[in-house]
Protein backbone atom coordinates (compact mmCIF):
# COMPACT_ATOMS: atom_id res chain seq x y z
CA UNK A 1 62.59 -65.08 -45.13
CA UNK A 2 60.89 -68.37 -44.17
CA UNK A 3 58.04 -70.12 -45.99
CA UNK A 4 56.14 -72.18 -43.43
CA UNK A 5 54.79 -75.47 -44.77
CA UNK A 6 53.37 -78.60 -43.16
CA UNK A 7 56.70 -80.27 -42.35
CA UNK A 8 59.32 -77.75 -43.43
CA UNK A 9 60.25 -74.17 -42.69
CA UNK A 10 61.78 -73.32 -46.07
CA UNK A 11 64.55 -70.74 -46.10
CA UNK A 12 63.89 -68.45 -49.07
CA UNK A 13 67.12 -66.49 -48.70
CA UNK A 14 68.34 -68.79 -51.49
CA UNK A 15 66.07 -69.19 -54.55
CA UNK A 16 64.30 -72.54 -54.41
CA UNK A 17 63.80 -74.83 -57.41
CA UNK A 18 60.41 -76.57 -57.59
CA UNK A 19 60.48 -79.55 -59.95
CA UNK A 20 57.32 -80.22 -61.98
CA UNK A 21 55.78 -83.72 -61.94
CA UNK A 22 52.77 -83.95 -64.26
CA UNK A 23 50.81 -87.18 -63.79
CA UNK A 24 48.65 -86.35 -66.79
CA UNK A 25 48.14 -87.55 -70.37
CA UNK A 26 47.64 -84.03 -71.74
CA UNK A 27 49.89 -81.43 -70.09
CA UNK A 28 51.21 -78.92 -72.64
CA UNK A 29 54.88 -79.92 -72.29
CA UNK A 30 55.28 -83.47 -71.04
CA UNK A 31 51.78 -84.92 -71.07
CA UNK A 32 51.84 -88.72 -70.93
CA UNK A 33 55.55 -89.05 -70.12
CA UNK A 34 54.96 -89.62 -66.41
CA UNK A 35 51.29 -90.59 -66.41
CA UNK A 36 51.65 -93.79 -64.38
CA UNK A 37 52.55 -93.78 -60.70
CA UNK A 38 55.72 -95.76 -61.38
CA UNK A 39 56.87 -93.37 -64.12
CA UNK A 40 56.03 -90.35 -61.97
CA UNK A 41 58.05 -91.71 -59.04
CA UNK A 42 61.04 -92.40 -61.29
CA UNK A 43 60.79 -88.82 -62.51
CA UNK A 44 60.66 -87.55 -58.93
CA UNK A 45 63.88 -89.39 -58.18
CA UNK A 46 65.55 -87.89 -61.26
CA UNK A 47 64.47 -84.36 -60.34
CA UNK A 48 65.81 -84.77 -56.81
CA UNK A 49 69.14 -86.08 -58.11
CA UNK A 50 69.24 -83.05 -60.43
CA UNK A 51 68.94 -80.73 -57.43
CA UNK A 52 65.24 -79.93 -56.99
CA UNK A 53 64.51 -78.41 -53.59
CA UNK A 54 60.86 -79.47 -53.71
CA UNK A 55 58.43 -81.29 -55.98
CA UNK A 56 55.11 -80.10 -57.42
CA UNK A 57 52.75 -82.95 -58.30
CA UNK A 58 49.73 -82.40 -60.53
CA UNK A 59 46.99 -84.69 -61.78
CA UNK A 60 45.06 -82.27 -64.01
CA UNK A 61 46.33 -80.16 -66.88
CA UNK A 62 45.37 -76.48 -66.76
CA UNK A 63 46.76 -75.61 -70.20
CA UNK A 64 44.55 -73.27 -72.29
CA UNK A 65 41.45 -75.12 -73.45
CA UNK A 66 41.93 -78.10 -71.15
CA UNK A 67 38.77 -79.84 -69.90
CA UNK A 68 38.20 -80.49 -66.17
CA UNK A 69 39.28 -83.88 -64.83
CA UNK A 70 36.74 -85.85 -62.75
CA UNK A 71 37.54 -85.94 -59.03
CA UNK A 72 37.99 -89.72 -58.87
CA UNK A 73 40.42 -89.65 -61.79
CA UNK A 74 42.55 -86.94 -60.21
CA UNK A 75 42.62 -88.75 -56.88
CA UNK A 76 43.62 -92.01 -58.59
CA UNK A 77 46.51 -90.25 -60.34
CA UNK A 78 47.80 -88.20 -57.44
CA UNK A 79 47.36 -90.17 -54.22
CA UNK A 80 49.71 -93.11 -54.93
CA UNK A 81 52.48 -90.70 -55.92
CA UNK A 82 52.02 -88.38 -52.94
CA UNK A 83 51.88 -91.36 -50.58
CA UNK A 84 55.34 -92.44 -51.78
CA UNK A 85 56.95 -89.02 -52.30
CA UNK A 86 56.30 -87.72 -48.78
CA UNK A 87 59.00 -90.15 -47.60
CA UNK A 88 61.66 -88.67 -49.91
CA UNK A 89 62.68 -85.95 -47.45
CA UNK A 90 61.72 -82.84 -49.43
CA UNK A 91 58.70 -80.51 -49.40
CA UNK A 92 55.85 -81.90 -51.51
CA UNK A 93 53.48 -79.52 -53.29
CA UNK A 94 50.27 -80.64 -54.98
CA UNK A 95 48.86 -78.65 -57.88
CA UNK A 96 45.08 -78.81 -57.48
CA UNK A 97 42.01 -76.62 -57.04
CA UNK A 98 39.63 -79.27 -55.69
CA UNK A 99 38.96 -79.21 -51.95
CA UNK A 100 38.60 -82.99 -51.81
CA UNK A 101 42.03 -83.52 -53.37
CA UNK A 102 43.57 -80.93 -51.05
CA UNK A 103 42.17 -82.67 -47.99
CA UNK A 104 43.33 -86.10 -49.15
CA UNK A 105 46.91 -85.09 -49.98
CA UNK A 106 47.33 -83.00 -46.83
CA UNK A 107 46.15 -85.96 -44.78
CA UNK A 108 48.88 -88.01 -46.48
CA UNK A 109 51.52 -85.49 -45.44
CA UNK A 110 51.80 -83.10 -48.40
CA UNK A 111 53.33 -79.77 -47.45
CA UNK A 112 51.99 -77.24 -49.98
CA UNK A 113 48.84 -76.61 -51.99
CA UNK A 114 49.51 -74.92 -55.33
CA UNK A 115 46.17 -73.61 -56.62
CA UNK A 116 45.66 -71.93 -59.99
CA UNK A 117 42.27 -70.72 -58.71
CA UNK A 118 43.84 -69.10 -55.61
CA UNK A 119 41.50 -71.06 -53.29
CA UNK A 120 38.34 -69.66 -54.92
CA UNK A 121 36.68 -73.01 -55.55
CA UNK A 122 34.12 -74.28 -53.04
CA UNK A 123 35.64 -75.42 -49.76
CA UNK A 124 39.26 -75.02 -50.86
CA UNK A 125 40.20 -72.12 -48.57
CA UNK A 126 38.54 -73.84 -45.64
CA UNK A 127 40.56 -77.03 -46.17
CA UNK A 128 43.83 -75.08 -46.17
CA UNK A 129 42.77 -73.13 -43.09
CA UNK A 130 41.94 -76.36 -41.25
CA UNK A 131 45.38 -77.89 -41.88
CA UNK A 132 47.82 -76.03 -39.62
CA UNK A 133 51.03 -74.85 -41.24
CA UNK A 134 50.52 -76.13 -44.78
CA UNK A 135 52.00 -73.76 -47.35
CA UNK A 136 49.95 -72.33 -50.19
CA UNK A 137 50.68 -70.81 -53.60
CA UNK A 138 47.95 -68.43 -54.73
CA UNK A 139 47.98 -67.89 -58.49
CA UNK A 140 46.33 -65.28 -60.68
CA UNK A 141 44.23 -66.66 -63.53
CA UNK A 142 42.05 -64.59 -65.84
CA UNK A 143 38.75 -66.37 -66.53
CA UNK A 144 39.27 -70.19 -66.57
CA UNK A 145 41.42 -72.71 -68.51
CA UNK A 146 38.82 -73.26 -71.24
CA UNK A 147 38.32 -69.55 -71.93
CA UNK A 148 41.33 -67.66 -70.56
CA UNK A 149 43.06 -67.19 -73.92
CA UNK A 150 39.83 -66.46 -75.83
CA UNK A 151 39.57 -63.02 -74.24
CA UNK A 152 42.87 -62.15 -72.53
CA UNK A 153 43.19 -59.37 -70.00
CA UNK A 154 43.06 -55.68 -70.86
CA UNK A 155 44.50 -52.59 -69.20
CA UNK A 156 47.34 -52.40 -66.66
CA UNK A 157 47.91 -56.10 -66.12
CA UNK A 158 50.59 -55.96 -63.38
CA UNK A 159 48.41 -53.58 -61.34
CA UNK A 160 45.38 -55.85 -61.74
CA UNK A 161 47.36 -58.99 -60.87
CA UNK A 162 48.79 -57.32 -57.78
CA UNK A 163 45.34 -56.20 -56.64
CA UNK A 164 43.84 -59.65 -57.16
CA UNK A 165 46.64 -61.51 -55.37
CA UNK A 166 46.68 -59.06 -52.46
CA UNK A 167 42.90 -59.49 -52.08
CA UNK A 168 43.14 -63.29 -52.16
CA UNK A 169 45.97 -63.35 -49.63
CA UNK A 170 44.00 -61.14 -47.28
CA UNK A 171 40.89 -63.31 -47.69
CA UNK A 172 42.84 -66.45 -46.84
CA UNK A 173 44.44 -64.80 -43.84
CA UNK A 174 41.00 -63.81 -42.61
CA UNK A 175 40.27 -67.55 -42.32
CA UNK A 176 43.30 -68.03 -40.08
CA UNK A 177 46.09 -68.84 -42.55
CA UNK A 178 49.27 -67.15 -41.36
CA UNK A 179 51.03 -64.79 -43.75
CA UNK A 180 54.23 -66.85 -43.53
CA UNK A 181 52.43 -69.73 -45.26
CA UNK A 182 51.51 -67.77 -48.42
CA UNK A 183 53.36 -67.32 -51.72
CA UNK A 184 52.01 -65.49 -54.77
CA UNK A 185 52.20 -66.51 -58.44
CA UNK A 186 51.35 -63.96 -61.18
CA UNK A 187 50.08 -66.75 -63.44
CA UNK A 188 52.27 -66.49 -66.51
CA UNK A 189 50.28 -67.66 -69.53
CA UNK A 190 46.94 -67.76 -67.72
CA UNK A 191 44.77 -65.32 -69.67
CA UNK A 192 47.51 -62.89 -70.70
CA UNK A 193 48.92 -61.94 -74.08
CA UNK A 194 52.59 -62.48 -74.88
CA UNK A 195 53.29 -58.79 -74.29
CA UNK A 196 51.38 -58.82 -71.00
CA UNK A 197 53.37 -61.80 -69.73
CA UNK A 198 56.64 -60.04 -70.42
CA UNK A 199 55.31 -56.86 -68.87
CA UNK A 200 54.66 -58.90 -65.72
CA UNK A 201 58.27 -60.05 -65.80
CA UNK A 202 59.58 -56.55 -66.45
CA UNK A 203 57.55 -55.14 -63.55
CA UNK A 204 57.66 -58.21 -61.32
CA UNK A 205 59.19 -56.27 -58.44
CA UNK A 206 55.91 -54.36 -58.13
CA UNK A 207 54.29 -57.61 -56.98
CA UNK A 208 56.63 -57.65 -54.01
CA UNK A 209 54.79 -54.59 -52.71
CA UNK A 210 52.10 -56.94 -51.43
CA UNK A 211 54.63 -58.26 -48.91
CA UNK A 212 54.70 -61.92 -49.93
CA UNK A 213 57.35 -64.03 -51.70
CA UNK A 214 56.76 -64.62 -55.42
CA UNK A 215 56.77 -67.88 -57.39
CA UNK A 216 57.83 -67.68 -61.05
CA UNK A 217 56.52 -70.38 -63.42
CA UNK A 218 57.77 -69.61 -66.93
CA UNK A 219 59.10 -73.05 -67.78
CA UNK A 220 58.56 -73.98 -71.46
CA UNK A 221 55.45 -71.78 -71.74
CA UNK A 222 54.06 -70.37 -74.98
CA UNK A 223 55.27 -66.76 -74.50
CA UNK A 224 58.82 -68.13 -74.62
CA UNK A 225 57.99 -69.95 -77.83
CA UNK A 226 56.45 -66.79 -79.29
CA UNK A 227 59.65 -64.77 -78.90
CA UNK A 228 62.17 -67.55 -79.57
CA UNK A 229 60.39 -69.43 -82.33
CA UNK A 230 61.09 -72.72 -80.54
CA UNK A 231 58.74 -75.64 -80.07
CA UNK A 232 57.83 -76.58 -76.51
CA UNK A 233 60.41 -79.35 -76.12
CA UNK A 234 63.24 -77.05 -77.24
CA UNK A 235 62.65 -74.17 -74.84
CA UNK A 236 65.23 -75.03 -72.18
CA UNK A 237 67.43 -71.97 -72.79
CA UNK A 238 64.52 -69.47 -72.92
CA UNK A 239 63.09 -71.10 -69.78
CA UNK A 240 66.38 -70.70 -67.91
CA UNK A 241 66.70 -67.10 -69.08
CA UNK A 242 63.19 -66.32 -67.80
CA UNK A 243 63.89 -68.08 -64.48
CA UNK A 244 67.08 -66.10 -63.93
CA UNK A 245 65.39 -62.81 -64.82
CA UNK A 246 62.54 -63.64 -62.45
CA UNK A 247 64.99 -64.39 -59.62
CA UNK A 248 66.92 -61.22 -60.39
CA UNK A 249 63.62 -59.35 -59.99
CA UNK A 250 62.88 -60.93 -56.63
CA UNK A 251 61.22 -64.33 -57.21
CA UNK A 252 62.05 -66.75 -54.39
CA UNK A 253 60.79 -69.97 -56.03
CA UNK A 254 61.04 -71.03 -59.67
CA UNK A 255 58.78 -73.83 -60.88
CA UNK A 256 60.55 -75.68 -63.69
CA UNK A 257 60.67 -78.79 -65.84
CA UNK A 258 64.42 -78.67 -66.49
CA UNK A 259 65.80 -78.85 -62.98
CA UNK A 260 69.46 -79.70 -63.61
CA UNK A 261 69.97 -76.86 -66.08
CA UNK A 262 68.15 -74.37 -63.86
CA UNK A 263 70.18 -75.35 -60.80
CA UNK A 264 73.40 -74.93 -62.77
CA UNK A 265 72.38 -71.51 -64.04
CA UNK A 266 71.34 -70.37 -60.55
CA UNK A 267 74.71 -71.44 -59.17
CA UNK A 268 76.36 -68.93 -61.52
CA UNK A 269 73.82 -66.24 -60.60
CA UNK A 270 74.44 -66.86 -56.91
CA UNK A 271 78.22 -66.71 -57.32
CA UNK A 272 77.89 -63.37 -59.09
CA UNK A 273 75.42 -62.07 -56.52
CA UNK A 274 77.38 -62.93 -53.36
CA UNK A 275 79.83 -60.30 -52.12
CA UNK A 276 83.50 -61.17 -52.28
CA UNK A 277 84.99 -61.81 -48.81
């Protein structure tokens, strides 16, 4: 299984680790730690040494209740980092929903657009369609960051998430984006209760029915804190457990903060999963 991106045809036969780089003052886990371009680039280098297969760069927090970031501020945060990181030899993803940011980072050589709005904001889908071969992650989000946890979803959540993501993937393909460029993300923590998030994990294989690879992004999120009782900075073990369970249930990419530990855990999973010669 190949994920086609701007510069790389990524082989998904082995689970891929996407390292998170938040260039923000207010992200839920590491806000402010890598907020300058210099700090973000140092963090990129650390994640690559730790074994990250790709990097995901974001200039706006989408945690519950987070306010929108002005376009100029997001561009000022993201562009210097993307400009430098595209020379590091790995796929570069940018976490944004703004068409103007998408266009700017793709023009700089970014490989993937990771959009929590699943390309529903004005002009976003058209930008992706106009940039041949760029990869895209389409995520499910209930409502919007400021309101998504005020009234979480109701009913059969995995069925609704599958229907939404299938519809978005088909809409993007109708604009000319090839299926091989698309990955789906169920949006853990985005407008779901704790129980609903774990139901998505339990039934994650149902999402594969849509015919696209799945991205799992559990790292350090509040549902893990709810069941473990741990504060956000102490959730490495629950995050690794969720990543491994997601991979076991078919996820091809895991988006994580703690790259070294996740890579180590996946090496054990892979050794146990490979047949003995």
